[in-house]
């Protein structure tokens, strides 16, 4: 591991750092920069120093930019003098490599664009990584190690593909929670108490996702195996098809991707 500064110490930073420390990284290798008292308290739980300003005595080899997209320009410009030759790792949706380089004053910076997601908080995250051409093999191995500490990783070879990752796994938990919310509401309408409804939905999604990951069958095959001809599942699926749910999900992903592209263009 290297000396790392996290600019921004919110939930995603907490998840990543917690995963790294759980896998043996020393808290002394990290510093966090965040003016929030709540963030400082969370970092203290991990044994990591968190300060409102850049830690002057700490020489960073890697800087993880864990702030919201709309904050990125101000953050990079205010910390540009401290970045030096550090590897810059951005987890902000829609912020492109050229924007990071311009705002940091480092036109040749080695940049990793990453799109993680919130299940990283429980060690079940999914992250997409894109590396600029001047990232060394060591940079790539390091970035993979960081994000594998809290989930799974895929690498994409075109920067624009990070926007597609954002649309699927970055925004995907929101779609899943929407479906869970809707199914729990249906359970309550069918007479279940809220606690029972939530448990029915939580375990159903967890079990189905675990089965899908462990099985060699396609999603379509798994669906067919649970759908008996003329049975209850078929009745439910026919209603979903009739309501255009499949098309709506595709359109949701396209809308999220389009928004990520718009953000990258400065929109």
C-alpha atoms as a PDB file:
ATOM      1  CA  UNK A   1       0.000   0.000   0.000  1.00  0.00           C
ATOM      2  CA  UNK A   2       0.949   3.678  -0.407  1.00  0.00           C
ATOM      3  CA  UNK A   3       0.380   6.941   1.456  1.00  0.00           C
ATOM      4  CA  UNK A   4      -3.147   7.988   0.486  1.00  0.00           C
ATOM      5  CA  UNK A   5      -5.185  11.147   1.015  1.00  0.00           C
ATOM      6  CA  UNK A   6      -8.960  10.961   0.653  1.00  0.00           C
ATOM      7  CA  UNK A   7     -10.492  14.329  -0.199  1.00  0.00           C
ATOM      8  CA  UNK A   8     -14.017  13.802   1.026  1.00  0.00           C
ATOM      9  CA  UNK A   9     -14.759  11.404   3.879  1.00  0.00           C
ATOM     10  CA  UNK A  10     -18.400  10.463   3.351  1.00  0.00           C
ATOM     11  CA  UNK A  11     -20.034   7.053   3.156  1.00  0.00           C
ATOM     12  CA  UNK A  12     -18.101   5.827   0.131  1.00  0.00           C
ATOM     13  CA  UNK A  13     -14.743   6.850   1.575  1.00  0.00           C
ATOM     14  CA  UNK A  14     -15.703   5.180   4.842  1.00  0.00           C
ATOM     15  CA  UNK A  15     -16.618   1.971   3.012  1.00  0.00           C
ATOM     16  CA  UNK A  16     -13.402   1.857   1.000  1.00  0.00           C
ATOM     17  CA  UNK A  17     -11.152   2.700   3.926  1.00  0.00           C
ATOM     18  CA  UNK A  18     -12.968   0.266   6.198  1.00  0.00           C
ATOM     19  CA  UNK A  19     -12.446  -2.487   3.633  1.00  0.00           C
ATOM     20  CA  UNK A  20      -8.756  -1.707   3.251  1.00  0.00           C
ATOM     21  CA  UNK A  21      -8.136  -1.655   6.996  1.00  0.00           C
ATOM     22  CA  UNK A  22     -10.116  -4.890   7.464  1.00  0.00           C
ATOM     23  CA  UNK A  23      -7.739  -6.497   4.967  1.00  0.00           C
ATOM     24  CA  UNK A  24      -4.632  -5.383   6.824  1.00  0.00           C
ATOM     25  CA  UNK A  25      -3.794  -1.861   5.671  1.00  0.00           C
ATOM     26  CA  UNK A  26      -2.400   0.376   8.404  1.00  0.00           C
ATOM     27  CA  UNK A  27      -4.548   3.413   9.298  1.00  0.00           C
ATOM     28  CA  UNK A  28      -1.354   5.490   9.464  1.00  0.00           C
ATOM     29  CA  UNK A  29      -1.087   5.228   5.650  1.00  0.00           C
ATOM     30  CA  UNK A  30      -4.218   7.328   5.212  1.00  0.00           C
ATOM     31  CA  UNK A  31      -5.344  10.875   5.781  1.00  0.00           C
ATOM     32  CA  UNK A  32      -8.775  12.353   5.095  1.00  0.00           C
ATOM     33  CA  UNK A  33      -9.673  15.933   4.251  1.00  0.00           C
ATOM     34  CA  UNK A  34     -13.238  16.933   5.094  1.00  0.00           C
ATOM     35  CA  UNK A  35     -14.635  19.877   7.089  1.00  0.00           C
ATOM     36  CA  UNK A  36     -17.551  17.819   8.438  1.00  0.00           C
ATOM     37  CA  UNK A  37     -17.448  16.875  12.124  1.00  0.00           C
ATOM     38  CA  UNK A  38     -19.500  13.778  11.338  1.00  0.00           C
ATOM     39  CA  UNK A  39     -16.914  12.693   8.770  1.00  0.00           C
ATOM     40  CA  UNK A  40     -14.129  13.254  11.283  1.00  0.00           C
ATOM     41  CA  UNK A  41     -15.948  11.055  13.791  1.00  0.00           C
ATOM     42  CA  UNK A  42     -16.359   8.283  11.228  1.00  0.00           C
ATOM     43  CA  UNK A  43     -12.684   8.451  10.297  1.00  0.00           C
ATOM     44  CA  UNK A  44     -11.731   8.352  13.988  1.00  0.00           C
ATOM     45  CA  UNK A  45     -13.589   5.038  14.260  1.00  0.00           C
ATOM     46  CA  UNK A  46     -11.131   3.686  11.692  1.00  0.00           C
ATOM     47  CA  UNK A  47      -8.117   5.288  13.368  1.00  0.00           C
ATOM     48  CA  UNK A  48      -7.624   7.763  10.511  1.00  0.00           C
ATOM     49  CA  UNK A  49      -6.813  11.430  10.999  1.00  0.00           C
ATOM     50  CA  UNK A  50      -9.320  13.745   9.304  1.00  0.00           C
ATOM     51  CA  UNK A  51      -8.639  17.466   8.972  1.00  0.00           C
ATOM     52  CA  UNK A  52     -10.538  20.344   7.318  1.00  0.00           C
ATOM     53  CA  UNK A  53      -7.467  21.271   5.258  1.00  0.00           C
ATOM     54  CA  UNK A  54      -4.713  19.362   3.494  1.00  0.00           C
ATOM     55  CA  UNK A  55      -2.400  17.585   6.005  1.00  0.00           C
ATOM     56  CA  UNK A  56       0.783  19.574   5.353  1.00  0.00           C
ATOM     57  CA  UNK A  57       3.158  16.987   6.790  1.00  0.00           C
ATOM     58  CA  UNK A  58       1.701  14.112   4.780  1.00  0.00           C
ATOM     59  CA  UNK A  59       3.218  13.339   1.380  1.00  0.00           C
ATOM     60  CA  UNK A  60       0.546  11.616  -0.698  1.00  0.00           C
ATOM     61  CA  UNK A  61       1.384   9.139  -3.435  1.00  0.00           C
ATOM     62  CA  UNK A  62      -2.307   8.676  -4.205  1.00  0.00           C
ATOM     63  CA  UNK A  63      -5.195  11.143  -3.872  1.00  0.00           C
ATOM     64  CA  UNK A  64      -8.729   9.747  -3.912  1.00  0.00           C
ATOM     65  CA  UNK A  65     -11.268  12.373  -4.962  1.00  0.00           C
ATOM     66  CA  UNK A  66     -14.372  11.282  -3.068  1.00  0.00           C
ATOM     67  CA  UNK A  67     -16.506  14.413  -3.388  1.00  0.00           C
ATOM     68  CA  UNK A  68     -19.726  15.139  -5.273  1.00  0.00           C
ATOM     69  CA  UNK A  69     -19.380  16.021  -8.977  1.00  0.00           C
ATOM     70  CA  UNK A  70     -20.530  19.603  -8.441  1.00  0.00           C
ATOM     71  CA  UNK A  71     -17.800  20.094  -5.826  1.00  0.00           C
ATOM     72  CA  UNK A  72     -14.958  18.649  -7.872  1.00  0.00           C
ATOM     73  CA  UNK A  73     -13.730  21.777  -9.647  1.00  0.00           C
ATOM     74  CA  UNK A  74     -13.519  23.860  -6.463  1.00  0.00           C
ATOM     75  CA  UNK A  75     -11.862  21.014  -4.554  1.00  0.00           C
ATOM     76  CA  UNK A  76      -9.219  20.353  -7.204  1.00  0.00           C
ATOM     77  CA  UNK A  77      -8.386  24.007  -7.709  1.00  0.00           C
ATOM     78  CA  UNK A  78      -8.059  24.601  -3.967  1.00  0.00           C
ATOM     79  CA  UNK A  79      -5.751  21.597  -3.493  1.00  0.00           C
ATOM     80  CA  UNK A  80      -3.815  21.811  -6.770  1.00  0.00           C
ATOM     81  CA  UNK A  81      -0.601  22.965  -5.063  1.00  0.00           C
ATOM     82  CA  UNK A  82      -0.525  19.821  -2.907  1.00  0.00           C
ATOM     83  CA  UNK A  83      -1.141  17.159  -5.553  1.00  0.00           C
ATOM     84  CA  UNK A  84       2.349  16.959  -7.032  1.00  0.00           C
ATOM     85  CA  UNK A  85       2.810  13.765  -9.039  1.00  0.00           C
ATOM     86  CA  UNK A  86       0.236  11.765  -7.106  1.00  0.00           C
ATOM     87  CA  UNK A  87      -2.010   9.244  -8.824  1.00  0.00           C
ATOM     88  CA  UNK A  88      -5.493  10.842  -8.924  1.00  0.00           C
ATOM     89  CA  UNK A  89      -8.437   8.515  -8.374  1.00  0.00           C
ATOM     90  CA  UNK A  90     -11.857  10.067  -9.006  1.00  0.00           C
ATOM     91  CA  UNK A  91     -15.088   8.398  -7.923  1.00  0.00           C
ATOM     92  CA  UNK A  92     -17.314  11.287  -9.044  1.00  0.00           C
ATOM     93  CA  UNK A  93     -19.952  10.464 -11.660  1.00  0.00           C
ATOM     94  CA  UNK A  94     -19.671  12.408 -14.894  1.00  0.00           C
ATOM     95  CA  UNK A  95     -16.331  14.094 -14.160  1.00  0.00           C
ATOM     96  CA  UNK A  96     -13.993  13.342 -17.071  1.00  0.00           C
ATOM     97  CA  UNK A  97     -10.254  12.850 -17.168  1.00  0.00           C
ATOM     98  CA  UNK A  98      -9.637  16.158 -18.944  1.00  0.00           C
ATOM     99  CA  UNK A  99     -11.680  17.987 -16.341  1.00  0.00           C
ATOM    100  CA  UNK A 100      -9.612  16.429 -13.551  1.00  0.00           C
ATOM    101  CA  UNK A 101      -6.384  17.351 -15.310  1.00  0.00           C
ATOM    102  CA  UNK A 102      -7.480  20.911 -16.079  1.00  0.00           C
ATOM    103  CA  UNK A 103      -8.847  21.705 -12.629  1.00  0.00           C
ATOM    104  CA  UNK A 104      -5.837  20.148 -10.878  1.00  0.00           C
ATOM    105  CA  UNK A 105      -3.341  22.048 -13.044  1.00  0.00           C
ATOM    106  CA  UNK A 106      -1.734  18.697 -13.939  1.00  0.00           C
ATOM    107  CA  UNK A 107      -2.133  18.222 -17.731  1.00  0.00           C
ATOM    108  CA  UNK A 108      -0.234  14.924 -17.636  1.00  0.00           C
ATOM    109  CA  UNK A 109      -1.692  13.573 -14.406  1.00  0.00           C
ATOM    110  CA  UNK A 110      -2.157   9.829 -14.078  1.00  0.00           C
ATOM    111  CA  UNK A 111      -5.899   9.486 -13.548  1.00  0.00           C
ATOM    112  CA  UNK A 112      -8.133   6.598 -12.581  1.00  0.00           C
ATOM    113  CA  UNK A 113     -11.850   7.107 -13.074  1.00  0.00           C
ATOM    114  CA  UNK A 114     -13.849   4.791 -10.867  1.00  0.00           C
ATOM    115  CA  UNK A 115     -17.555   4.280 -10.387  1.00  0.00           C
ATOM    116  CA  UNK A 116     -18.220   2.339  -7.171  1.00  0.00           C
ATOM    117  CA  UNK A 117     -21.629   1.874  -5.597  1.00  0.00           C
ATOM    118  CA  UNK A 118     -23.129   2.026  -2.125  1.00  0.00           C
ATOM    119  CA  UNK A 119     -23.150  -1.743  -1.364  1.00  0.00           C
ATOM    120  CA  UNK A 120     -19.425  -1.212  -0.827  1.00  0.00           C
ATOM    121  CA  UNK A 121     -20.590  -0.199   2.665  1.00  0.00           C
ATOM    122  CA  UNK A 122     -21.221  -3.889   3.394  1.00  0.00           C
ATOM    123  CA  UNK A 123     -18.336  -5.284   1.348  1.00  0.00           C
ATOM    124  CA  UNK A 124     -20.563  -6.115  -1.633  1.00  0.00           C
ATOM    125  CA  UNK A 125     -19.751  -3.216  -3.939  1.00  0.00           C
ATOM    126  CA  UNK A 126     -19.324  -3.204  -7.698  1.00  0.00           C
ATOM    127  CA  UNK A 127     -16.783  -0.818  -9.229  1.00  0.00           C
ATOM    128  CA  UNK A 128     -15.779  -0.022 -12.799  1.00  0.00           C
ATOM    129  CA  UNK A 129     -12.263   1.301 -13.434  1.00  0.00           C
ATOM    130  CA  UNK A 130     -10.815   3.280 -16.320  1.00  0.00           C
ATOM    131  CA  UNK A 131      -7.087   4.123 -16.472  1.00  0.00           C
ATOM    132  CA  UNK A 132      -5.407   6.818 -18.534  1.00  0.00           C
ATOM    133  CA  UNK A 133      -2.702   5.521 -20.868  1.00  0.00           C
ATOM    134  CA  UNK A 134       0.103   6.832 -18.651  1.00  0.00           C
ATOM    135  CA  UNK A 135      -1.020   4.785 -15.633  1.00  0.00           C
ATOM    136  CA  UNK A 136       1.656   2.195 -14.923  1.00  0.00           C
ATOM    137  CA  UNK A 137       0.895  -1.458 -14.235  1.00  0.00           C
ATOM    138  CA  UNK A 138       1.613  -0.684 -10.583  1.00  0.00           C
ATOM    139  CA  UNK A 139      -1.051   2.047 -10.607  1.00  0.00           C
ATOM    140  CA  UNK A 140      -3.590  -0.335 -12.070  1.00  0.00           C
ATOM    141  CA  UNK A 141      -2.788  -3.108  -9.599  1.00  0.00           C
ATOM    142  CA  UNK A 142      -3.036  -0.663  -6.721  1.00  0.00           C
ATOM    143  CA  UNK A 143      -6.417   0.716  -7.796  1.00  0.00           C
ATOM    144  CA  UNK A 144      -7.804  -2.779  -8.201  1.00  0.00           C
ATOM    145  CA  UNK A 145      -6.560  -3.671  -4.715  1.00  0.00           C
ATOM    146  CA  UNK A 146      -8.302  -0.628  -3.244  1.00  0.00           C
ATOM    147  CA  UNK A 147     -11.714  -1.339  -4.741  1.00  0.00           C
ATOM    148  CA  UNK A 148     -11.536  -5.125  -4.428  1.00  0.00           C
ATOM    149  CA  UNK A 149     -11.283  -4.514  -0.681  1.00  0.00           C
ATOM    150  CA  UNK A 150     -15.012  -3.738  -0.657  1.00  0.00           C
ATOM    151  CA  UNK A 151     -16.439  -5.745  -3.560  1.00  0.00           C
ATOM    152  CA  UNK A 152     -15.936  -6.728  -7.197  1.00  0.00           C
ATOM    153  CA  UNK A 153     -14.143  -4.802  -9.966  1.00  0.00           C
ATOM    154  CA  UNK A 154     -14.262  -4.635 -13.739  1.00  0.00           C
ATOM    155  CA  UNK A 155     -11.904  -2.650 -15.989  1.00  0.00           C
ATOM    156  CA  UNK A 156     -13.125  -0.773 -19.063  1.00  0.00           C
ATOM    157  CA  UNK A 157     -10.872   0.357 -21.899  1.00  0.00           C
ATOM    158  CA  UNK A 158     -12.807   3.435 -23.044  1.00  0.00           C
ATOM    159  CA  UNK A 159     -13.530   6.374 -20.763  1.00  0.00           C
ATOM    160  CA  UNK A 160     -17.092   6.706 -22.053  1.00  0.00           C
ATOM    161  CA  UNK A 161     -17.815   3.195 -20.777  1.00  0.00           C
ATOM    162  CA  UNK A 162     -17.575   4.512 -17.213  1.00  0.00           C
ATOM    163  CA  UNK A 163     -20.811   6.395 -17.921  1.00  0.00           C
ATOM    164  CA  UNK A 164     -22.432   3.083 -18.830  1.00  0.00           C
ATOM    165  CA  UNK A 165     -21.079   1.513 -15.623  1.00  0.00           C
ATOM    166  CA  UNK A 166     -22.630   4.444 -13.771  1.00  0.00           C
ATOM    167  CA  UNK A 167     -26.004   3.721 -15.375  1.00  0.00           C
ATOM    168  CA  UNK A 168     -25.962   0.022 -14.454  1.00  0.00           C
ATOM    169  CA  UNK A 169     -24.113  -0.621 -11.194  1.00  0.00           C
ATOM    170  CA  UNK A 170     -23.613   2.950  -9.987  1.00  0.00           C
ATOM    171  CA  UNK A 171     -27.304   3.850 -10.152  1.00  0.00           C
ATOM    172  CA  UNK A 172     -28.463   0.231 -10.049  1.00  0.00           C
ATOM    173  CA  UNK A 173     -28.898   0.013  -6.256  1.00  0.00           C
ATOM    174  CA  UNK A 174     -31.445   2.810  -6.566  1.00  0.00           C
ATOM    175  CA  UNK A 175     -33.428   0.750  -9.066  1.00  0.00           C
ATOM    176  CA  UNK A 176     -33.234  -2.300  -6.798  1.00  0.00           C
ATOM    177  CA  UNK A 177     -34.376  -0.350  -3.744  1.00  0.00           C
ATOM    178  CA  UNK A 178     -37.257   1.054  -5.810  1.00  0.00           C
ATOM    179  CA  UNK A 179     -38.336  -2.493  -6.707  1.00  0.00           C
ATOM    180  CA  UNK A 180     -37.957  -3.590  -3.078  1.00  0.00           C
ATOM    181  CA  UNK A 181     -40.015  -0.621  -1.935  1.00  0.00           C
ATOM    182  CA  UNK A 182     -42.744  -1.474  -4.429  1.00  0.00           C
ATOM    183  CA  UNK A 183     -42.816  -5.185  -3.561  1.00  0.00           C
ATOM    184  CA  UNK A 184     -42.917  -4.407   0.176  1.00  0.00           C
ATOM    185  CA  UNK A 185     -45.860  -2.073  -0.438  1.00  0.00           C
ATOM    186  CA  UNK A 186     -47.616  -4.899  -2.281  1.00  0.00           C
ATOM    187  CA  UNK A 187     -46.935  -7.238   0.646  1.00  0.00           C
ATOM    188  CA  UNK A 188     -48.496  -4.761   3.062  1.00  0.00           C
ATOM    189  CA  UNK A 189     -51.556  -4.481   0.814  1.00  0.00           C
ATOM    190  CA  UNK A 190     -51.844  -8.259   0.983  1.00  0.00           C
ATOM    191  CA  UNK A 191     -52.055  -8.076   4.764  1.00  0.00           C
ATOM    192  CA  UNK A 192     -48.518  -8.393   6.091  1.00  0.00           C
ATOM    193  CA  UNK A 193     -47.181  -6.211   8.872  1.00  0.00           C
ATOM    194  CA  UNK A 194     -44.366  -3.845   7.780  1.00  0.00           C
ATOM    195  CA  UNK A 195     -41.686  -5.918   9.523  1.00  0.00           C
ATOM    196  CA  UNK A 196     -42.898  -9.098   7.849  1.00  0.00           C
ATOM    197  CA  UNK A 197     -43.172  -7.390   4.467  1.00  0.00           C
ATOM    198  CA  UNK A 198     -39.631  -6.040   4.717  1.00  0.00           C
ATOM    199  CA  UNK A 199     -38.202  -9.425   5.705  1.00  0.00           C
ATOM    200  CA  UNK A 200     -40.029 -11.194   2.877  1.00  0.00           C
ATOM    201  CA  UNK A 201     -38.596  -8.734   0.356  1.00  0.00           C
ATOM    202  CA  UNK A 202     -35.077  -8.471   1.803  1.00  0.00           C
ATOM    203  CA  UNK A 203     -34.527 -12.217   1.931  1.00  0.00           C
ATOM    204  CA  UNK A 204     -36.110 -12.764  -1.467  1.00  0.00           C
ATOM    205  CA  UNK A 205     -33.745 -10.292  -3.152  1.00  0.00           C
ATOM    206  CA  UNK A 206     -30.724 -11.536  -1.197  1.00  0.00           C
ATOM    207  CA  UNK A 207     -31.492 -15.164  -1.959  1.00  0.00           C
ATOM    208  CA  UNK A 208     -32.186 -14.553  -5.643  1.00  0.00           C
ATOM    209  CA  UNK A 209     -28.990 -12.494  -6.098  1.00  0.00           C
ATOM    210  CA  UNK A 210     -26.893 -15.093  -4.258  1.00  0.00           C
ATOM    211  CA  UNK A 211     -28.350 -17.911  -6.331  1.00  0.00           C
ATOM    212  CA  UNK A 212     -27.749 -15.982  -9.555  1.00  0.00           C
ATOM    213  CA  UNK A 213     -24.119 -15.296  -8.653  1.00  0.00           C
ATOM    214  CA  UNK A 214     -23.386 -18.878  -7.649  1.00  0.00           C
ATOM    215  CA  UNK A 215     -25.237 -20.498 -10.558  1.00  0.00           C
ATOM    216  CA  UNK A 216     -23.864 -21.068 -14.046  1.00  0.00           C
ATOM    217  CA  UNK A 217     -27.357 -20.542 -15.477  1.00  0.00           C
ATOM    218  CA  UNK A 218     -28.281 -17.328 -17.271  1.00  0.00           C
ATOM    219  CA  UNK A 219     -30.752 -14.936 -15.680  1.00  0.00           C
ATOM    220  CA  UNK A 220     -33.323 -16.030 -18.256  1.00  0.00           C
ATOM    221  CA  UNK A 221     -32.828 -19.714 -17.380  1.00  0.00           C
ATOM    222  CA  UNK A 222     -33.160 -19.001 -13.668  1.00  0.00           C
ATOM    223  CA  UNK A 223     -36.369 -17.115 -14.356  1.00  0.00           C
ATOM    224  CA  UNK A 224     -37.717 -20.026 -16.412  1.00  0.00           C
ATOM    225  CA  UNK A 225     -36.900 -22.502 -13.627  1.00  0.00           C
ATOM    226  CA  UNK A 226     -39.074 -20.620 -11.152  1.00  0.00           C
ATOM    227  CA  UNK A 227     -41.913 -20.055 -13.649  1.00  0.00           C
ATOM    228  CA  UNK A 228     -44.282 -23.008 -13.844  1.00  0.00           C
ATOM    229  CA  UNK A 229     -46.684 -23.048 -16.788  1.00  0.00           C
ATOM    230  CA  UNK A 230     -50.009 -21.647 -15.682  1.00  0.00           C
ATOM    231  CA  UNK A 231     -48.640 -20.923 -12.203  1.00  0.00           C
ATOM    232  CA  UNK A 232     -48.439 -17.908  -9.936  1.00  0.00           C
ATOM    233  CA  UNK A 233     -45.068 -16.649 -11.163  1.00  0.00           C
ATOM    234  CA  UNK A 234     -46.231 -16.770 -14.753  1.00  0.00           C
ATOM    235  CA  UNK A 235     -49.304 -14.723 -13.814  1.00  0.00           C
ATOM    236  CA  UNK A 236     -47.135 -12.101 -12.143  1.00  0.00           C
ATOM    237  CA  UNK A 237     -44.598 -11.958 -14.971  1.00  0.00           C
ATOM    238  CA  UNK A 238     -47.337 -11.591 -17.581  1.00  0.00           C
ATOM    239  CA  UNK A 239     -48.573  -8.532 -15.713  1.00  0.00           C
ATOM    240  CA  UNK A 240     -45.057  -7.076 -15.602  1.00  0.00           C
ATOM    241  CA  UNK A 241     -44.676  -7.595 -19.351  1.00  0.00           C
ATOM    242  CA  UNK A 242     -48.086  -6.077 -20.006  1.00  0.00           C
ATOM    243  CA  UNK A 243     -47.100  -3.026 -17.949  1.00  0.00           C
ATOM    244  CA  UNK A 244     -43.901  -2.538 -19.942  1.00  0.00           C
ATOM    245  CA  UNK A 245     -41.569  -3.010 -16.981  1.00  0.00           C
ATOM    246  CA  UNK A 246     -38.772  -4.502 -19.113  1.00  0.00           C
ATOM    247  CA  UNK A 247     -38.789  -1.486 -21.415  1.00  0.00           C
ATOM    248  CA  UNK A 248     -39.003   0.928 -18.480  1.00  0.00           C
ATOM    249  CA  UNK A 249     -35.885  -0.560 -16.887  1.00  0.00           C
ATOM    250  CA  UNK A 250     -33.959  -0.259 -20.148  1.00  0.00           C
ATOM    251  CA  UNK A 251     -35.097   3.349 -20.484  1.00  0.00           C
ATOM    252  CA  UNK A 252     -34.055   4.092 -16.900  1.00  0.00           C
ATOM    253  CA  UNK A 253     -30.530   2.843 -17.596  1.00  0.00           C
ATOM    254  CA  UNK A 254     -30.319   4.879 -20.804  1.00  0.00           C
ATOM    255  CA  UNK A 255     -31.510   7.999 -18.980  1.00  0.00           C
ATOM    256  CA  UNK A 256     -28.895   7.524 -16.257  1.00  0.00           C
ATOM    257  CA  UNK A 257     -26.152   7.034 -18.852  1.00  0.00           C
ATOM    258  CA  UNK A 258     -27.265  10.113 -20.761  1.00  0.00           C
ATOM    259  CA  UNK A 259     -27.162  12.170 -17.566  1.00  0.00           C
ATOM    260  CA  UNK A 260     -23.641  10.952 -16.784  1.00  0.00           C
ATOM    261  CA  UNK A 261     -22.563  11.984 -20.300  1.00  0.00           C
ATOM    262  CA  UNK A 262     -24.231  15.365 -19.822  1.00  0.00           C
ATOM    263  CA  UNK A 263     -22.382  15.896 -16.543  1.00  0.00           C
ATOM    264  CA  UNK A 264     -19.095  15.025 -18.248  1.00  0.00           C
ATOM    265  CA  UNK A 265     -19.792  17.711 -20.842  1.00  0.00           C
ATOM    266  CA  UNK A 266     -20.307  20.197 -18.021  1.00  0.00           C
ATOM    267  CA  UNK A 267     -24.083  20.147 -18.068  1.00  0.00           C
END
